[in-house]
């Protein structure tokens, strides 16, 4: 009878000894999962912002190209005007 009680006690002690660290590991795992989910959400937000910024950059690059074309046209008009003035002076 005493051996049976000791055997049961030892079994319970072993189960508690094994399950307590498992419970602590599970709690730690839950915390880490929460942190991972936060990081994943942050990464998704940053990727979305990055995509938006890339779109704006392309828009600005398009505007710059338009302005460069306008500058070329104005430079050509100025050059033509100078040539006309030069021809009139001669």
N, C-alpha and C. Protein backbone atom coordinates (compact mmCIF):
# COMPACT_ATOMS: atom_id res chain seq x y z
N UNK A 1 0.83 -1.18 0.00
CA UNK A 1 0.00 0.00 0.00
C UNK A 1 0.87 1.25 0.00
N UNK A 2 1.91 1.25 0.87
CA UNK A 2 2.80 2.40 0.92
C UNK A 2 3.53 2.58 -0.41
N UNK A 3 3.90 1.43 -1.02
CA UNK A 3 4.58 1.51 -2.31
C UNK A 3 3.65 2.11 -3.36
N UNK A 4 2.39 1.73 -3.29
CA UNK A 4 1.41 2.26 -4.23
C UNK A 4 1.24 3.76 -4.04
N UNK A 5 1.15 4.20 -2.80
CA UNK A 5 1.02 5.64 -2.51
C UNK A 5 2.27 6.38 -2.97
N UNK A 6 3.43 5.79 -2.68
CA UNK A 6 4.68 6.42 -3.12
C UNK A 6 4.76 6.46 -4.64
N UNK A 7 4.33 5.40 -5.27
CA UNK A 7 4.37 5.34 -6.73
C UNK A 7 3.43 6.38 -7.34
N UNK A 8 2.23 6.49 -6.78
CA UNK A 8 1.27 7.50 -7.26
C UNK A 8 1.80 8.90 -6.99
N UNK A 9 2.35 9.10 -5.79
CA UNK A 9 2.91 10.41 -5.45
C UNK A 9 4.05 10.78 -6.40
N UNK A 10 4.91 9.81 -6.68
CA UNK A 10 6.02 10.06 -7.59
C UNK A 10 5.51 10.37 -8.98
N UNK A 11 4.48 9.66 -9.41
CA UNK A 11 3.89 9.91 -10.74
C UNK A 11 3.29 11.30 -10.82
N UNK A 12 2.57 11.69 -9.79
CA UNK A 12 1.97 13.04 -9.76
C UNK A 12 3.07 14.09 -9.74
N UNK A 13 4.09 13.86 -8.94
CA UNK A 13 5.21 14.80 -8.86
C UNK A 13 5.87 14.96 -10.23
N UNK A 14 6.06 13.85 -10.94
CA UNK A 14 6.67 13.90 -12.27
C UNK A 14 5.77 14.64 -13.26
N UNK A 15 4.46 14.36 -13.19
CA UNK A 15 3.53 15.03 -14.10
C UNK A 15 3.51 16.53 -13.85
N UNK A 16 3.47 16.91 -12.58
CA UNK A 16 3.48 18.34 -12.23
C UNK A 16 4.81 18.96 -12.65
N UNK A 17 5.88 18.23 -12.42
CA UNK A 17 7.21 18.73 -12.80
C UNK A 17 7.36 18.91 -14.30
N UNK A 18 6.66 18.11 -15.07
CA UNK A 18 6.74 18.21 -16.53
C UNK A 18 5.74 19.25 -17.05
N UNK A 19 4.54 19.27 -16.48
CA UNK A 19 3.51 20.17 -17.00
C UNK A 19 3.74 21.62 -16.61
N UNK A 20 4.35 21.88 -15.48
CA UNK A 20 4.58 23.28 -15.08
C UNK A 20 5.53 23.97 -16.07
N UNK A 21 6.67 23.35 -16.42
CA UNK A 21 7.50 24.01 -17.44
C UNK A 21 6.79 24.13 -18.78
N UNK A 22 5.96 23.13 -19.11
CA UNK A 22 5.22 23.22 -20.37
C UNK A 22 4.25 24.39 -20.34
N UNK A 23 3.61 24.61 -19.21
CA UNK A 23 2.69 25.74 -19.09
C UNK A 23 3.46 27.05 -19.22
N UNK A 24 4.63 27.12 -18.61
CA UNK A 24 5.45 28.33 -18.71
C UNK A 24 5.91 28.53 -20.15
N UNK A 25 6.30 27.43 -20.80
CA UNK A 25 6.71 27.52 -22.20
C UNK A 25 5.54 27.96 -23.08
N UNK A 26 4.35 27.45 -22.78
CA UNK A 26 3.16 27.83 -23.55
C UNK A 26 2.84 29.31 -23.37
N UNK A 27 2.97 29.80 -22.15
CA UNK A 27 2.72 31.23 -21.90
C UNK A 27 3.76 32.07 -22.63
N UNK A 28 5.00 31.65 -22.59
CA UNK A 28 6.06 32.36 -23.30
C UNK A 28 5.81 32.33 -24.80
N UNK A 29 5.36 31.19 -25.27
CA UNK A 29 5.05 31.05 -26.69
C UNK A 29 3.92 31.98 -27.10
N UNK A 30 2.91 32.11 -26.26
CA UNK A 30 1.79 33.01 -26.55
C UNK A 30 2.26 34.45 -26.63
N UNK A 31 3.15 34.83 -25.72
CA UNK A 31 3.70 36.20 -25.73
C UNK A 31 4.47 36.42 -27.03
N UNK A 32 5.28 35.44 -27.39
CA UNK A 32 6.09 35.57 -28.61
C UNK A 32 5.21 35.59 -29.85
N UNK A 33 4.13 34.84 -29.84
CA UNK A 33 3.19 34.88 -30.97
C UNK A 33 2.57 36.27 -31.09
N UNK A 34 2.21 36.84 -29.95
CA UNK A 34 1.66 38.20 -29.95
C UNK A 34 2.66 39.20 -30.51
N UNK A 35 3.91 39.07 -30.09
CA UNK A 35 4.96 39.97 -30.59
C UNK A 35 5.16 39.77 -32.10
N UNK A 36 5.13 38.52 -32.53
CA UNK A 36 5.28 38.22 -33.95
C UNK A 36 4.14 38.83 -34.76
N UNK A 37 2.92 38.70 -34.26
CA UNK A 37 1.76 39.27 -34.96
C UNK A 37 1.88 40.79 -35.04
N UNK A 38 2.37 41.42 -33.97
CA UNK A 38 2.57 42.87 -33.99
C UNK A 38 3.60 43.25 -35.04
N UNK A 39 4.70 42.51 -35.10
CA UNK A 39 5.75 42.79 -36.09
C UNK A 39 5.22 42.58 -37.51
N UNK A 40 4.43 41.51 -37.71
CA UNK A 40 3.88 41.25 -39.03
C UNK A 40 2.93 42.38 -39.44
N UNK A 41 2.13 42.87 -38.51
CA UNK A 41 1.23 43.99 -38.81
C UNK A 41 2.03 45.24 -39.14
N UNK A 42 3.11 45.47 -38.41
CA UNK A 42 3.97 46.63 -38.67
C UNK A 42 4.62 46.51 -40.05
N UNK A 43 5.08 45.32 -40.39
CA UNK A 43 5.70 45.10 -41.70
C UNK A 43 4.67 45.35 -42.80
N UNK A 44 3.45 44.85 -42.62
CA UNK A 44 2.40 45.06 -43.62
C UNK A 44 2.10 46.55 -43.78
N UNK A 45 2.06 47.28 -42.67
CA UNK A 45 1.80 48.73 -42.73
C UNK A 45 2.93 49.44 -43.46
N UNK A 46 4.16 49.06 -43.16
CA UNK A 46 5.32 49.69 -43.81
C UNK A 46 5.33 49.37 -45.30
N UNK A 47 4.99 48.13 -45.67
CA UNK A 47 4.96 47.77 -47.08
C UNK A 47 3.89 48.57 -47.82
N UNK A 48 2.75 48.76 -47.17
CA UNK A 48 1.67 49.56 -47.77
C UNK A 48 2.12 51.01 -47.95
N UNK A 49 2.77 51.55 -46.93
CA UNK A 49 3.29 52.91 -47.02
C UNK A 49 4.34 53.01 -48.12
N UNK A 50 5.20 52.01 -48.21
CA UNK A 50 6.25 51.97 -49.23
C UNK A 50 5.64 51.98 -50.63
N UNK A 51 4.60 51.18 -50.83
CA UNK A 51 3.92 51.14 -52.12
C UNK A 51 3.33 52.50 -52.46
N UNK A 52 2.72 53.13 -51.48
CA UNK A 52 2.15 54.46 -51.68
C UNK A 52 3.23 55.47 -52.05
N UNK A 53 4.35 55.42 -51.34
CA UNK A 53 5.45 56.35 -51.62
C UNK A 53 6.04 56.12 -53.01
N UNK A 54 6.15 54.86 -53.41
CA UNK A 54 6.66 54.57 -54.76
C UNK A 54 5.74 55.16 -55.82
N UNK A 55 4.44 55.08 -55.58
CA UNK A 55 3.48 55.67 -56.50
C UNK A 55 3.65 57.18 -56.60
N UNK A 56 3.84 57.81 -55.45
CA UNK A 56 4.05 59.26 -55.45
C UNK A 56 5.35 59.64 -56.15
N UNK A 57 6.39 58.83 -55.96
CA UNK A 57 7.67 59.09 -56.63
C UNK A 57 7.48 59.03 -58.14
N UNK A 58 6.76 58.02 -58.62
CA UNK A 58 6.52 57.92 -60.06
C UNK A 58 5.74 59.12 -60.57
N UNK A 59 4.78 59.56 -59.78
CA UNK A 59 4.00 60.75 -60.16
C UNK A 59 4.92 61.96 -60.28
N UNK A 60 5.79 62.15 -59.30
CA UNK A 60 6.72 63.29 -59.32
C UNK A 60 7.72 63.17 -60.47
N UNK A 61 8.17 61.96 -60.75
CA UNK A 61 9.09 61.77 -61.87
C UNK A 61 8.41 62.15 -63.19
N UNK A 62 7.12 61.83 -63.30
CA UNK A 62 6.36 62.22 -64.49
C UNK A 62 6.26 63.73 -64.61
N UNK A 63 5.99 64.39 -63.49
CA UNK A 63 5.92 65.86 -63.50
C UNK A 63 7.27 66.46 -63.89
N UNK A 64 8.34 65.90 -63.35
CA UNK A 64 9.69 66.41 -63.66
C UNK A 64 9.95 66.28 -65.16
N UNK A 65 9.57 65.15 -65.74
CA UNK A 65 9.77 64.95 -67.19
C UNK A 65 8.99 66.00 -67.97
N UNK A 66 7.75 66.29 -67.54
CA UNK A 66 6.95 67.32 -68.21
C UNK A 66 7.63 68.69 -68.09
N UNK A 67 8.11 69.01 -66.91
CA UNK A 67 8.78 70.30 -66.71
C UNK A 67 10.05 70.40 -67.56
N UNK A 68 10.78 69.30 -67.67
CA UNK A 68 11.98 69.31 -68.49
C UNK A 68 11.64 69.56 -69.96
N UNK A 69 10.53 68.98 -70.41
CA UNK A 69 10.09 69.23 -71.79
C UNK A 69 9.70 70.69 -71.97
N UNK A 70 9.01 71.25 -70.99
CA UNK A 70 8.62 72.66 -71.06
C UNK A 70 9.86 73.56 -71.09
N UNK A 71 10.85 73.21 -70.29
CA UNK A 71 12.10 74.00 -70.25
C UNK A 71 12.80 73.94 -71.61
N UNK A 72 12.85 72.74 -72.20
CA UNK A 72 13.48 72.61 -73.52
C UNK A 72 12.75 73.48 -74.55
N UNK A 73 11.42 73.44 -74.49
CA UNK A 73 10.62 74.23 -75.42
C UNK A 73 10.88 75.72 -75.22
N UNK A 74 10.91 76.16 -73.97
CA UNK A 74 11.17 77.57 -73.67
C UNK A 74 12.59 77.97 -74.09
N UNK A 75 13.55 77.09 -73.84
CA UNK A 75 14.93 77.36 -74.27
C UNK A 75 14.99 77.53 -75.79
N UNK A 76 14.27 76.69 -76.50
CA UNK A 76 14.24 76.78 -77.96
C UNK A 76 13.58 78.09 -78.40
N UNK A 77 12.49 78.46 -77.73
CA UNK A 77 11.81 79.72 -78.06
C UNK A 77 12.73 80.91 -77.80
N UNK A 78 13.46 80.86 -76.71
CA UNK A 78 14.41 81.94 -76.38
C UNK A 78 15.49 82.02 -77.45
N UNK A 79 16.01 80.87 -77.84
CA UNK A 79 17.05 80.83 -78.87
C UNK A 79 16.51 81.39 -80.19
N UNK A 80 15.30 81.00 -80.55
CA UNK A 80 14.68 81.53 -81.78
C UNK A 80 14.52 83.05 -81.69
N UNK A 81 14.06 83.52 -80.54
CA UNK A 81 13.87 84.96 -80.34
C UNK A 81 15.21 85.70 -80.47
N UNK A 82 16.27 85.15 -79.91
CA UNK A 82 17.60 85.76 -80.00
C UNK A 82 18.07 85.83 -81.46
N UNK A 83 17.81 84.75 -82.17
CA UNK A 83 18.21 84.73 -83.58
C UNK A 83 17.43 85.77 -84.39
N UNK A 84 16.15 85.92 -84.07
CA UNK A 84 15.34 86.94 -84.75
C UNK A 84 15.86 88.34 -84.45
N UNK A 85 16.20 88.58 -83.18
CA UNK A 85 16.75 89.89 -82.80
C UNK A 85 18.07 90.15 -83.50
N UNK A 86 18.89 89.13 -83.55
CA UNK A 86 20.19 89.26 -84.19
C UNK A 86 20.02 89.55 -85.69
N UNK A 87 19.06 88.90 -86.31
CA UNK A 87 18.81 89.12 -87.74
C UNK A 87 18.29 90.53 -87.99
N UNK A 88 17.47 91.05 -87.09
CA UNK A 88 16.92 92.40 -87.23
C UNK A 88 18.00 93.45 -87.06
N UNK A 89 18.96 93.17 -86.19
CA UNK A 89 20.03 94.14 -85.91
C UNK A 89 21.00 94.24 -87.07
N UNK A 90 21.07 93.22 -87.87
CA UNK A 90 22.05 93.23 -88.97
C UNK A 90 21.45 93.89 -90.13
